[in-house]
Amino acid sequence: MSGFKPIESLQVVDSLGISKTVFSHVSNLHHLLVDWERYRKNGTKICEAIAALKLHECTDDYFPRQTDPLIKSLLESCLALQNIVDGINIIKRQVDSLAILQKSEQAVICTWSMSMIAETVSKVYDILENEICLKNTIAENIAHCRDENVMEVYVKAWEIENYNVEISAYLFADVGLPGLTSER
């Protein structure tokens, strides 16, 4: 009976498999959040360029020729941000499934149980889902704005992350990934 393994050792092997999978998901989440920050900054530059056109000085039936490509670029940034949210949703669903499989509160990565990781990923998804809705609204409003002061409000609203994803910082630190820095 030398091939017989107690149930406890099987649990350890299973736990190691889940840990590797979770590490991969957390790394992918980190990569998506880095991309989010890059596209958000790009969108900020585009919003500032649109504001610099001084549309408030133009007549109602005239838009400078630069307006159309800038608006299209802003919409492309919104689409890229939406794709990131969709990617995070995939990770969320996969991590939720792993949390169902790993019913114990045993640590999977450092001190993080599977349910804690799933909850954190779910919060990040919810935060960015709200943020992309806001960014889409801002982009739509910028495309139709002629008021200089209101345009500045929209630019600042795009620039500022109204929903904070810092809740993932400890998870990334425990996995050995760098924090998400933002130069605002």
N, C-alpha and C. Protein backbone atom coordinates (compact mmCIF):
# COMPACT_ATOMS: atom_id res chain seq x y z
N MET A 1 0.82 -1.19 0.00
CA MET A 1 0.00 0.00 0.00
C MET A 1 0.86 1.26 0.00
N SER A 2 2.02 1.19 -0.62
CA SER A 2 2.89 2.36 -0.66
C SER A 2 2.33 3.47 -1.55
N GLY A 3 1.41 3.17 -2.48
CA GLY A 3 0.82 4.17 -3.36
C GLY A 3 -0.33 4.91 -2.71
N PHE A 4 -0.73 4.50 -1.51
CA PHE A 4 -1.84 5.14 -0.82
C PHE A 4 -1.41 6.50 -0.28
N LYS A 5 -2.22 7.54 -0.56
CA LYS A 5 -1.94 8.89 -0.05
C LYS A 5 -3.10 9.32 0.82
N PRO A 6 -2.82 9.85 1.99
CA PRO A 6 -3.89 10.37 2.84
C PRO A 6 -4.58 11.55 2.15
N ILE A 7 -5.80 11.80 2.53
CA ILE A 7 -6.61 12.87 1.93
C ILE A 7 -5.95 14.22 2.10
N GLU A 8 -5.26 14.47 3.23
CA GLU A 8 -4.63 15.77 3.47
C GLU A 8 -3.60 16.10 2.38
N SER A 9 -2.81 15.12 1.96
CA SER A 9 -1.79 15.41 0.96
C SER A 9 -2.42 15.68 -0.40
N LEU A 10 -3.58 15.10 -0.70
CA LEU A 10 -4.28 15.40 -1.94
C LEU A 10 -4.75 16.85 -1.94
N GLN A 11 -5.20 17.33 -0.78
CA GLN A 11 -5.66 18.71 -0.66
C GLN A 11 -4.51 19.67 -0.95
N VAL A 12 -3.29 19.36 -0.48
CA VAL A 12 -2.14 20.22 -0.70
C VAL A 12 -1.82 20.29 -2.19
N VAL A 13 -1.85 19.17 -2.88
CA VAL A 13 -1.57 19.16 -4.32
C VAL A 13 -2.61 20.00 -5.06
N ASP A 14 -3.88 19.83 -4.74
CA ASP A 14 -4.95 20.60 -5.37
C ASP A 14 -4.78 22.09 -5.08
N SER A 15 -4.42 22.40 -3.86
CA SER A 15 -4.23 23.79 -3.47
C SER A 15 -3.10 24.43 -4.28
N LEU A 16 -2.04 23.70 -4.54
CA LEU A 16 -0.94 24.25 -5.32
C LEU A 16 -1.37 24.53 -6.76
N GLY A 17 -2.19 23.68 -7.32
CA GLY A 17 -2.70 23.92 -8.67
C GLY A 17 -3.56 25.17 -8.73
N ILE A 18 -4.38 25.35 -7.74
CA ILE A 18 -5.23 26.56 -7.69
C ILE A 18 -4.36 27.79 -7.48
N SER A 19 -3.33 27.68 -6.67
CA SER A 19 -2.44 28.83 -6.43
C SER A 19 -1.80 29.32 -7.72
N LYS A 20 -1.34 28.40 -8.54
CA LYS A 20 -0.72 28.79 -9.81
C LYS A 20 -1.74 29.45 -10.73
N THR A 21 -2.93 28.91 -10.78
CA THR A 21 -3.98 29.48 -11.61
C THR A 21 -4.36 30.87 -11.11
N VAL A 22 -4.50 31.01 -9.80
CA VAL A 22 -4.87 32.30 -9.22
C VAL A 22 -3.76 33.32 -9.47
N PHE A 23 -2.52 32.90 -9.33
CA PHE A 23 -1.40 33.81 -9.60
C PHE A 23 -1.47 34.32 -11.04
N SER A 24 -1.78 33.43 -11.95
CA SER A 24 -1.92 33.82 -13.36
C SER A 24 -3.04 34.83 -13.54
N HIS A 25 -4.18 34.60 -12.89
CA HIS A 25 -5.31 35.53 -12.99
C HIS A 25 -4.98 36.89 -12.38
N VAL A 26 -4.31 36.88 -11.24
CA VAL A 26 -3.94 38.14 -10.58
C VAL A 26 -2.93 38.89 -11.44
N SER A 27 -2.00 38.18 -12.05
CA SER A 27 -1.04 38.82 -12.96
C SER A 27 -1.75 39.44 -14.16
N ASN A 28 -2.71 38.72 -14.71
CA ASN A 28 -3.48 39.25 -15.85
C ASN A 28 -4.29 40.48 -15.43
N LEU A 29 -4.86 40.43 -14.23
CA LEU A 29 -5.61 41.58 -13.71
C LEU A 29 -4.68 42.79 -13.60
N HIS A 30 -3.50 42.58 -13.07
CA HIS A 30 -2.53 43.65 -12.92
C HIS A 30 -2.19 44.25 -14.29
N HIS A 31 -1.96 43.39 -15.26
CA HIS A 31 -1.64 43.85 -16.62
C HIS A 31 -2.78 44.69 -17.19
N LEU A 32 -4.02 44.25 -16.99
CA LEU A 32 -5.17 45.00 -17.48
C LEU A 32 -5.29 46.36 -16.80
N LEU A 33 -5.00 46.41 -15.50
CA LEU A 33 -5.08 47.68 -14.78
C LEU A 33 -3.98 48.64 -15.21
N VAL A 34 -2.81 48.11 -15.56
CA VAL A 34 -1.74 48.96 -16.11
C VAL A 34 -2.19 49.53 -17.46
N ASP A 35 -2.81 48.68 -18.29
CA ASP A 35 -3.35 49.15 -19.57
C ASP A 35 -4.43 50.20 -19.36
N TRP A 36 -5.29 49.98 -18.36
CA TRP A 36 -6.36 50.94 -18.04
C TRP A 36 -5.74 52.32 -17.80
N GLU A 37 -4.71 52.35 -16.99
CA GLU A 37 -4.08 53.63 -16.65
C GLU A 37 -3.49 54.28 -17.89
N ARG A 38 -2.90 53.50 -18.78
CA ARG A 38 -2.32 54.03 -20.01
C ARG A 38 -3.40 54.63 -20.91
N TYR A 39 -4.51 53.93 -21.09
CA TYR A 39 -5.60 54.45 -21.93
C TYR A 39 -6.31 55.63 -21.28
N ARG A 40 -6.40 55.62 -19.95
CA ARG A 40 -7.01 56.76 -19.26
C ARG A 40 -6.18 58.01 -19.49
N LYS A 41 -4.85 57.90 -19.38
CA LYS A 41 -3.97 59.05 -19.61
C LYS A 41 -4.05 59.51 -21.06
N ASN A 42 -4.12 58.57 -21.99
CA ASN A 42 -4.26 58.93 -23.40
C ASN A 42 -5.57 59.69 -23.61
N GLY A 43 -6.64 59.22 -23.00
CA GLY A 43 -7.93 59.91 -23.10
C GLY A 43 -7.87 61.31 -22.52
N THR A 44 -7.12 61.47 -21.45
CA THR A 44 -6.96 62.80 -20.85
C THR A 44 -6.28 63.75 -21.83
N LYS A 45 -5.23 63.28 -22.50
CA LYS A 45 -4.53 64.11 -23.49
C LYS A 45 -5.47 64.49 -24.64
N ILE A 46 -6.29 63.55 -25.06
CA ILE A 46 -7.23 63.82 -26.14
C ILE A 46 -8.27 64.86 -25.70
N CYS A 47 -8.79 64.69 -24.48
CA CYS A 47 -9.76 65.67 -23.95
C CYS A 47 -9.15 67.05 -23.87
N GLU A 48 -7.90 67.14 -23.43
CA GLU A 48 -7.22 68.43 -23.35
C GLU A 48 -7.02 69.04 -24.74
N ALA A 49 -6.74 68.18 -25.73
CA ALA A 49 -6.57 68.67 -27.10
C ALA A 49 -7.90 69.20 -27.64
N ILE A 50 -8.99 68.53 -27.33
CA ILE A 50 -10.32 69.00 -27.77
C ILE A 50 -10.63 70.34 -27.11
N ALA A 51 -10.33 70.45 -25.82
CA ALA A 51 -10.58 71.71 -25.10
C ALA A 51 -9.72 72.83 -25.67
N ALA A 52 -8.52 72.50 -26.13
CA ALA A 52 -7.61 73.52 -26.67
C ALA A 52 -8.10 74.07 -28.01
N LEU A 53 -9.03 73.38 -28.66
CA LEU A 53 -9.57 73.87 -29.94
C LEU A 53 -10.43 75.12 -29.77
N LYS A 54 -10.79 75.41 -28.53
CA LYS A 54 -11.61 76.59 -28.21
C LYS A 54 -12.88 76.63 -29.05
N LEU A 55 -13.64 75.54 -28.94
CA LEU A 55 -14.88 75.44 -29.71
C LEU A 55 -15.89 76.52 -29.35
N HIS A 56 -15.76 77.08 -28.16
CA HIS A 56 -16.69 78.14 -27.75
C HIS A 56 -16.54 79.40 -28.60
N GLU A 57 -15.40 79.54 -29.26
CA GLU A 57 -15.17 80.71 -30.11
C GLU A 57 -15.69 80.49 -31.54
N CYS A 58 -16.07 79.28 -31.87
CA CYS A 58 -16.54 78.96 -33.22
C CYS A 58 -18.05 79.18 -33.32
N THR A 59 -18.49 79.40 -34.54
CA THR A 59 -19.94 79.53 -34.75
C THR A 59 -20.58 78.16 -34.62
N ASP A 60 -21.88 78.16 -34.41
CA ASP A 60 -22.60 76.90 -34.17
C ASP A 60 -22.51 75.92 -35.33
N ASP A 61 -22.36 76.40 -36.55
CA ASP A 61 -22.33 75.50 -37.69
C ASP A 61 -20.90 75.15 -38.13
N TYR A 62 -19.89 75.55 -37.35
CA TYR A 62 -18.50 75.29 -37.73
C TYR A 62 -17.78 74.51 -36.63
N PHE A 63 -17.08 73.47 -37.04
CA PHE A 63 -16.17 72.74 -36.15
C PHE A 63 -14.81 72.69 -36.84
N PRO A 64 -13.74 72.97 -36.12
CA PRO A 64 -12.41 72.85 -36.73
C PRO A 64 -12.19 71.43 -37.26
N ARG A 65 -11.38 71.30 -38.30
CA ARG A 65 -11.18 69.99 -38.92
C ARG A 65 -10.53 68.98 -37.98
N GLN A 66 -9.83 69.44 -36.95
CA GLN A 66 -9.19 68.53 -35.99
C GLN A 66 -10.20 67.87 -35.05
N THR A 67 -11.40 68.41 -34.98
CA THR A 67 -12.39 67.92 -34.03
C THR A 67 -12.74 66.46 -34.29
N ASP A 68 -13.04 66.13 -35.54
CA ASP A 68 -13.49 64.77 -35.89
C ASP A 68 -12.46 63.70 -35.52
N PRO A 69 -11.18 63.83 -35.92
CA PRO A 69 -10.22 62.80 -35.53
C PRO A 69 -10.00 62.70 -34.01
N LEU A 70 -10.08 63.84 -33.33
CA LEU A 70 -9.90 63.81 -31.87
C LEU A 70 -11.07 63.09 -31.19
N ILE A 71 -12.28 63.36 -31.64
CA ILE A 71 -13.46 62.70 -31.07
C ILE A 71 -13.38 61.19 -31.36
N LYS A 72 -12.98 60.84 -32.57
CA LYS A 72 -12.84 59.41 -32.91
C LYS A 72 -11.77 58.75 -32.03
N SER A 73 -10.68 59.45 -31.79
CA SER A 73 -9.63 58.91 -30.92
C SER A 73 -10.14 58.73 -29.49
N LEU A 74 -10.93 59.68 -29.02
CA LEU A 74 -11.50 59.57 -27.68
C LEU A 74 -12.45 58.38 -27.59
N LEU A 75 -13.25 58.18 -28.62
CA LEU A 75 -14.15 57.03 -28.64
C LEU A 75 -13.37 55.72 -28.71
N GLU A 76 -12.23 55.72 -29.42
CA GLU A 76 -11.37 54.53 -29.45
C GLU A 76 -10.79 54.24 -28.06
N SER A 77 -10.44 55.30 -27.34
CA SER A 77 -9.96 55.11 -25.96
C SER A 77 -11.07 54.51 -25.09
N CYS A 78 -12.29 54.99 -25.28
CA CYS A 78 -13.43 54.44 -24.53
C CYS A 78 -13.61 52.96 -24.86
N LEU A 79 -13.49 52.61 -26.13
CA LEU A 79 -13.63 51.22 -26.54
C LEU A 79 -12.52 50.36 -25.93
N ALA A 80 -11.30 50.87 -25.91
CA ALA A 80 -10.19 50.14 -25.30
C ALA A 80 -10.44 49.94 -23.80
N LEU A 81 -10.94 50.97 -23.14
CA LEU A 81 -11.25 50.85 -21.71
C LEU A 81 -12.37 49.84 -21.49
N GLN A 82 -13.37 49.82 -22.37
CA GLN A 82 -14.46 48.84 -22.26
C GLN A 82 -13.92 47.42 -22.45
N ASN A 83 -12.99 47.25 -23.38
CA ASN A 83 -12.38 45.93 -23.58
C ASN A 83 -11.62 45.47 -22.34
N ILE A 84 -10.99 46.40 -21.66
CA ILE A 84 -10.30 46.06 -20.41
C ILE A 84 -11.31 45.62 -19.36
N VAL A 85 -12.42 46.33 -19.23
CA VAL A 85 -13.47 45.95 -18.28
C VAL A 85 -14.01 44.57 -18.63
N ASP A 86 -14.19 44.30 -19.92
CA ASP A 86 -14.67 42.99 -20.34
C ASP A 86 -13.66 41.89 -19.97
N GLY A 87 -12.37 42.19 -20.13
CA GLY A 87 -11.33 41.24 -19.73
C GLY A 87 -11.33 40.98 -18.24
N ILE A 88 -11.55 42.02 -17.46
CA ILE A 88 -11.62 41.86 -16.01
C ILE A 88 -12.85 41.05 -15.62
N ASN A 89 -13.93 41.22 -16.37
CA ASN A 89 -15.13 40.43 -16.10
C ASN A 89 -14.86 38.93 -16.32
N ILE A 90 -14.09 38.60 -17.35
CA ILE A 90 -13.72 37.20 -17.59
C ILE A 90 -12.91 36.66 -16.42
N ILE A 91 -11.93 37.45 -15.97
CA ILE A 91 -11.11 37.04 -14.82
C ILE A 91 -12.00 36.87 -13.59
N LYS A 92 -12.92 37.80 -13.39
CA LYS A 92 -13.84 37.74 -12.25
C LYS A 92 -14.63 36.44 -12.26
N ARG A 93 -15.18 36.10 -13.39
CA ARG A 93 -15.99 34.87 -13.48
C ARG A 93 -15.13 33.63 -13.22
N GLN A 94 -13.90 33.63 -13.72
CA GLN A 94 -13.02 32.48 -13.50
C GLN A 94 -12.60 32.38 -12.04
N VAL A 95 -12.30 33.50 -11.43
CA VAL A 95 -11.92 33.50 -10.01
C VAL A 95 -13.11 33.11 -9.14
N ASP A 96 -14.30 33.58 -9.51
CA ASP A 96 -15.51 33.18 -8.77
C ASP A 96 -15.69 31.66 -8.83
N SER A 97 -15.45 31.08 -9.99
CA SER A 97 -15.55 29.62 -10.13
C SER A 97 -14.52 28.91 -9.26
N LEU A 98 -13.31 29.43 -9.22
CA LEU A 98 -12.29 28.83 -8.37
C LEU A 98 -12.66 28.94 -6.89
N ALA A 99 -13.30 30.05 -6.52
CA ALA A 99 -13.73 30.22 -5.13
C ALA A 99 -14.78 29.19 -4.76
N ILE A 100 -15.64 28.83 -5.72
CA ILE A 100 -16.63 27.79 -5.46
C ILE A 100 -15.95 26.43 -5.29
N LEU A 101 -14.91 26.17 -6.09
CA LEU A 101 -14.18 24.90 -5.98
C LEU A 101 -13.38 24.81 -4.69
N GLN A 102 -12.80 25.93 -4.29
CA GLN A 102 -11.97 25.99 -3.08
C GLN A 102 -12.84 26.51 -1.94
N LYS A 103 -13.60 25.63 -1.34
CA LYS A 103 -14.57 26.05 -0.33
C LYS A 103 -13.94 26.44 1.00
N SER A 104 -12.77 25.92 1.28
CA SER A 104 -12.13 26.23 2.57
C SER A 104 -11.59 27.65 2.55
N GLU A 105 -11.35 28.18 3.71
CA GLU A 105 -10.77 29.51 3.84
C GLU A 105 -9.25 29.42 3.95
N GLN A 106 -8.71 28.33 3.45
CA GLN A 106 -7.26 28.11 3.44
C GLN A 106 -6.62 29.15 2.51
N ALA A 107 -5.48 29.69 2.92
CA ALA A 107 -4.77 30.67 2.11
C ALA A 107 -4.30 30.04 0.81
N VAL A 108 -4.56 30.72 -0.28
CA VAL A 108 -4.14 30.24 -1.59
C VAL A 108 -2.86 30.96 -2.02
N ILE A 109 -2.81 32.26 -1.74
CA ILE A 109 -1.63 33.08 -2.00
C ILE A 109 -1.36 33.87 -0.73
N CYS A 110 -0.21 33.64 -0.13
CA CYS A 110 0.16 34.27 1.14
C CYS A 110 -0.98 34.09 2.14
N THR A 111 -1.60 35.19 2.53
CA THR A 111 -2.69 35.10 3.51
C THR A 111 -4.06 35.23 2.85
N TRP A 112 -4.11 35.25 1.55
CA TRP A 112 -5.35 35.47 0.81
C TRP A 112 -6.06 34.15 0.53
N SER A 113 -7.27 34.03 1.05
CA SER A 113 -8.09 32.87 0.71
C SER A 113 -8.71 33.11 -0.66
N MET A 114 -9.22 32.06 -1.25
CA MET A 114 -9.83 32.17 -2.57
C MET A 114 -11.04 33.12 -2.53
N SER A 115 -11.82 33.06 -1.46
CA SER A 115 -12.99 33.94 -1.37
C SER A 115 -12.57 35.41 -1.24
N MET A 116 -11.47 35.68 -0.55
CA MET A 116 -10.98 37.06 -0.43
C MET A 116 -10.51 37.59 -1.78
N ILE A 117 -9.82 36.74 -2.53
CA ILE A 117 -9.34 37.13 -3.86
C ILE A 117 -10.53 37.39 -4.77
N ALA A 118 -11.51 36.49 -4.74
CA ALA A 118 -12.70 36.66 -5.58
C ALA A 118 -13.44 37.95 -5.24
N GLU A 119 -13.54 38.25 -3.96
CA GLU A 119 -14.22 39.49 -3.53
C GLU A 119 -13.47 40.72 -4.03
N THR A 120 -12.15 40.70 -3.95
CA THR A 120 -11.34 41.83 -4.39
C THR A 120 -11.47 42.04 -5.90
N VAL A 121 -11.38 40.95 -6.66
CA VAL A 121 -11.51 41.05 -8.13
C VAL A 121 -12.90 41.56 -8.49
N SER A 122 -13.91 41.09 -7.77
CA SER A 122 -15.28 41.54 -8.02
C SER A 122 -15.43 43.04 -7.75
N LYS A 123 -14.81 43.52 -6.69
CA LYS A 123 -14.86 44.96 -6.38
C LYS A 123 -14.17 45.78 -7.46
N VAL A 124 -13.01 45.30 -7.92
CA VAL A 124 -12.28 46.00 -8.98
C VAL A 124 -13.15 46.07 -10.24
N TYR A 125 -13.78 44.96 -10.59
CA TYR A 125 -14.66 44.94 -11.75
C TYR A 125 -15.81 45.94 -11.59
N ASP A 126 -16.47 45.91 -10.44
CA ASP A 126 -17.59 46.82 -10.20
C ASP A 126 -17.15 48.29 -10.30
N ILE A 127 -15.99 48.59 -9.74
CA ILE A 127 -15.46 49.95 -9.77
C ILE A 127 -15.21 50.39 -11.21
N LEU A 128 -14.55 49.55 -11.99
CA LEU A 128 -14.22 49.95 -13.35
C LEU A 128 -15.43 49.92 -14.28
N GLU A 129 -16.40 49.10 -13.98
CA GLU A 129 -17.64 49.12 -14.76
C GLU A 129 -18.34 50.47 -14.58
N ASN A 130 -18.37 50.96 -13.35
CA ASN A 130 -18.93 52.29 -13.09
C ASN A 130 -18.10 53.38 -13.75
N GLU A 131 -16.79 53.22 -13.70
CA GLU A 131 -15.90 54.22 -14.28
C GLU A 131 -16.05 54.29 -15.80
N ILE A 132 -16.19 53.15 -16.47
CA ILE A 132 -16.33 53.19 -17.94
C ILE A 132 -17.67 53.81 -18.33
N CYS A 133 -18.70 53.58 -17.56
CA CYS A 133 -19.99 54.24 -17.83
C CYS A 133 -19.83 55.75 -17.74
N LEU A 134 -19.10 56.20 -16.73
CA LEU A 134 -18.85 57.63 -16.56
C LEU A 134 -18.00 58.18 -17.71
N LYS A 135 -16.97 57.45 -18.10
CA LYS A 135 -16.09 57.90 -19.19
C LYS A 135 -16.88 57.99 -20.50
N ASN A 136 -17.75 57.04 -20.76
CA ASN A 136 -18.56 57.09 -21.99
C ASN A 136 -19.47 58.32 -21.98
N THR A 137 -20.06 58.63 -20.84
CA THR A 137 -20.91 59.82 -20.73
C THR A 137 -20.10 61.09 -20.94
N ILE A 138 -18.92 61.13 -20.35
CA ILE A 138 -18.05 62.30 -20.51
C ILE A 138 -17.67 62.47 -21.98
N ALA A 139 -17.31 61.37 -22.65
CA ALA A 139 -16.93 61.45 -24.07
C ALA A 139 -18.08 61.97 -24.91
N GLU A 140 -19.28 61.50 -24.63
CA GLU A 140 -20.46 61.96 -25.37
C GLU A 140 -20.69 63.44 -25.14
N ASN A 141 -20.53 63.89 -23.91
CA ASN A 141 -20.75 65.30 -23.60
C ASN A 141 -19.67 66.19 -24.19
N ILE A 142 -18.43 65.73 -24.18
CA ILE A 142 -17.34 66.52 -24.76
C ILE A 142 -17.58 66.71 -26.26
N ALA A 143 -18.09 65.67 -26.90
CA ALA A 143 -18.32 65.74 -28.34
C ALA A 143 -19.35 66.80 -28.73
N HIS A 144 -20.19 67.19 -27.80
CA HIS A 144 -21.24 68.15 -28.11
C HIS A 144 -21.09 69.47 -27.36
N CYS A 145 -20.02 69.66 -26.64
CA CYS A 145 -19.88 70.82 -25.78
C CYS A 145 -19.28 72.01 -26.53
N ARG A 146 -19.84 73.18 -26.26
CA ARG A 146 -19.33 74.44 -26.83
C ARG A 146 -18.96 75.44 -25.73
N ASP A 147 -19.25 75.12 -24.49
CA ASP A 147 -19.01 76.03 -23.38
C ASP A 147 -17.62 75.75 -22.80
N GLU A 148 -16.78 76.79 -22.74
CA GLU A 148 -15.40 76.64 -22.29
C GLU A 148 -15.31 76.10 -20.86
N ASN A 149 -16.10 76.64 -19.96
CA ASN A 149 -16.05 76.23 -18.55
C ASN A 149 -16.55 74.79 -18.36
N VAL A 150 -17.62 74.46 -19.05
CA VAL A 150 -18.16 73.10 -18.96
C VAL A 150 -17.17 72.11 -19.55
N MET A 151 -16.50 72.50 -20.66
CA MET A 151 -15.49 71.64 -21.28
C MET A 151 -14.37 71.33 -20.29
N GLU A 152 -13.94 72.33 -19.54
CA GLU A 152 -12.88 72.10 -18.54
C GLU A 152 -13.34 71.13 -17.45
N VAL A 153 -14.60 71.23 -17.08
CA VAL A 153 -15.15 70.29 -16.09
C VAL A 153 -15.09 68.86 -16.65
N TYR A 154 -15.46 68.70 -17.92
CA TYR A 154 -15.43 67.37 -18.54
C TYR A 154 -14.00 66.83 -18.62
N VAL A 155 -13.06 67.70 -18.97
CA VAL A 155 -11.66 67.27 -19.05
C VAL A 155 -11.18 66.78 -17.69
N LYS A 156 -11.47 67.55 -16.65
CA LYS A 156 -11.06 67.15 -15.29
C LYS A 156 -11.80 65.89 -14.83
N ALA A 157 -13.07 65.78 -15.21
CA ALA A 157 -13.84 64.58 -14.84
C ALA A 157 -13.25 63.34 -15.50
N TRP A 158 -12.75 63.48 -16.71
CA TRP A 158 -12.11 62.32 -17.37
C TRP A 158 -10.81 61.98 -16.66
N GLU A 159 -10.04 63.00 -16.33
CA GLU A 159 -8.72 62.82 -15.75
C GLU A 159 -8.78 62.15 -14.38
N ILE A 160 -9.73 62.55 -13.57
CA ILE A 160 -9.81 62.05 -12.20
C ILE A 160 -10.53 60.70 -12.18
N GLU A 161 -9.92 59.73 -11.51
CA GLU A 161 -10.58 58.44 -11.33
C GLU A 161 -11.54 58.60 -10.17
N ASN A 162 -12.80 58.59 -10.48
CA ASN A 162 -13.81 58.79 -9.45
C ASN A 162 -14.00 57.54 -8.59
N TYR A 163 -13.63 56.42 -9.14
CA TYR A 163 -13.73 55.15 -8.41
C TYR A 163 -12.32 54.63 -8.24
N ASN A 164 -11.95 54.26 -7.03
CA ASN A 164 -10.58 53.92 -6.70
C ASN A 164 -10.35 52.42 -6.70
N VAL A 165 -9.31 51.96 -7.40
CA VAL A 165 -9.00 50.53 -7.45
C VAL A 165 -7.83 50.15 -6.53
N GLU A 166 -7.50 51.01 -5.58
CA GLU A 166 -6.39 50.72 -4.67
C GLU A 166 -6.65 49.51 -3.78
N ILE A 167 -7.88 49.00 -3.77
CA ILE A 167 -8.18 47.83 -2.96
C ILE A 167 -7.38 46.62 -3.41
N SER A 168 -6.85 46.67 -4.63
CA SER A 168 -6.07 45.55 -5.15
C SER A 168 -4.59 45.65 -4.79
N ALA A 169 -4.16 46.74 -4.20
CA ALA A 169 -2.73 46.98 -3.94
C ALA A 169 -2.11 45.90 -3.05
N TYR A 170 -2.81 45.51 -2.00
CA TYR A 170 -2.25 44.49 -1.10
C TYR A 170 -2.17 43.13 -1.78
N LEU A 171 -3.15 42.81 -2.60
CA LEU A 171 -3.12 41.55 -3.34
C LEU A 171 -1.92 41.52 -4.27
N PHE A 172 -1.70 42.60 -5.01
CA PHE A 172 -0.56 42.65 -5.92
C PHE A 172 0.76 42.58 -5.15
N ALA A 173 0.84 43.23 -4.02
CA ALA A 173 2.06 43.20 -3.21
C ALA A 173 2.35 41.78 -2.73
N ASP A 174 1.32 41.06 -2.29
CA ASP A 174 1.53 39.70 -1.80
C ASP A 174 1.93 38.73 -2.91
N VAL A 175 1.57 39.05 -4.14
CA VAL A 175 1.94 38.21 -5.27
C VAL A 175 3.32 38.60 -5.80
N GLY A 176 3.80 39.77 -5.41
CA GLY A 176 5.12 40.22 -5.84
C GLY A 176 5.06 41.13 -7.06
N LEU A 177 3.89 41.68 -7.34
CA LEU A 177 3.74 42.60 -8.47
C LEU A 177 3.87 44.03 -7.98
N PRO A 178 4.39 44.91 -8.83
CA PRO A 178 4.51 46.31 -8.41
C PRO A 178 3.14 46.96 -8.27
N GLY A 179 3.08 48.00 -7.48
CA GLY A 179 1.82 48.73 -7.31
C GLY A 179 1.47 49.48 -8.58
N LEU A 180 0.24 49.89 -8.64
CA LEU A 180 -0.24 50.67 -9.78
C LEU A 180 -0.01 52.14 -9.45
N THR A 181 0.94 52.76 -10.10
CA THR A 181 1.23 54.15 -9.82
C THR A 181 0.56 55.02 -10.85
N SER A 182 0.16 56.16 -10.40
CA SER A 182 -0.50 57.11 -11.29
C SER A 182 0.12 58.48 -11.08
N GLU A 183 0.65 59.03 -12.16
CA GLU A 183 1.19 60.39 -12.09
C GLU A 183 0.11 61.33 -12.56
N ARG A 184 -0.56 61.91 -11.63
CA ARG A 184 -1.69 62.80 -11.98
C ARG A 184 -1.25 64.22 -12.06
